[in-house]
């Protein structure tokens, strides 16, 4: 019985931690201006178009 209790608590802790991470990422994303988003996308595009070394 104690094993199930600990597994349940671990599951709740995992769900909570995942929710915190998602909320933090969403908050950072919403603070970007459209210009910043465009700049980041253009930067990623330039990086992806560069030939790979080796």
Protein backbone atom coordinates (compact mmCIF):
# COMPACT_ATOMS: atom_id res chain seq x y z
CA UNK A 1 0.00 0.00 0.00
CA UNK A 2 2.84 2.42 0.80
CA UNK A 3 4.41 1.78 -2.59
CA UNK A 4 1.29 2.99 -4.38
CA UNK A 5 1.17 6.03 -2.17
CA UNK A 6 4.77 6.96 -3.05
CA UNK A 7 4.17 6.30 -6.74
CA UNK A 8 1.12 8.56 -6.65
CA UNK A 9 3.05 11.33 -4.94
CA UNK A 10 5.88 11.00 -7.46
CA UNK A 11 3.37 11.24 -10.29
CA UNK A 12 1.82 14.38 -8.84
CA UNK A 13 5.26 15.92 -8.39
CA UNK A 14 6.14 15.11 -12.00
CA UNK A 15 2.95 16.64 -13.36
CA UNK A 16 3.49 19.76 -11.24
CA UNK A 17 7.09 20.15 -12.40
CA UNK A 18 6.05 19.76 -16.02
CA UNK A 19 3.36 22.40 -15.60
CA UNK A 20 5.85 24.84 -14.09
CA UNK A 21 8.26 24.34 -16.99
CA UNK A 22 5.52 24.84 -19.58
CA UNK A 23 4.23 27.98 -17.84
CA UNK A 24 7.73 29.46 -17.67
CA UNK A 25 8.37 28.79 -21.37
CA UNK A 26 5.00 30.26 -22.35
CA UNK A 27 5.64 33.38 -20.29
CA UNK A 28 9.02 33.91 -21.99
CA UNK A 29 7.43 33.41 -25.41
CA UNK A 30 4.66 35.95 -24.82
CA UNK A 31 7.14 38.63 -23.76
CA UNK A 32 8.75 38.70 -27.22
CA UNK A 33 7.80 41.45 -29.62
CA UNK A 34 6.94 40.52 -33.22
CA UNK A 35 10.25 42.03 -34.34
CA UNK A 36 12.18 39.83 -31.91
CA UNK A 37 10.34 36.74 -33.13
CA UNK A 38 11.09 37.66 -36.75
CA UNK A 39 14.77 38.28 -35.94
CA UNK A 40 15.06 34.91 -34.18
CA UNK A 41 13.42 33.07 -37.06
CA UNK A 42 15.67 34.77 -39.60
CA UNK A 43 18.72 33.93 -37.48
CA UNK A 44 17.69 30.27 -37.31
CA UNK A 45 17.11 30.23 -41.07
CA UNK A 46 20.58 31.66 -41.74
CA UNK A 47 22.12 29.07 -39.40
CA UNK A 48 20.27 26.22 -41.11
CA UNK A 49 21.36 27.34 -44.58
CA UNK A 50 25.07 27.35 -43.70
CA UNK A 51 26.87 24.23 -44.94
CA UNK A 52 27.77 21.78 -42.20
CA UNK A 53 31.47 21.43 -41.42
CA UNK A 54 33.02 18.05 -41.93
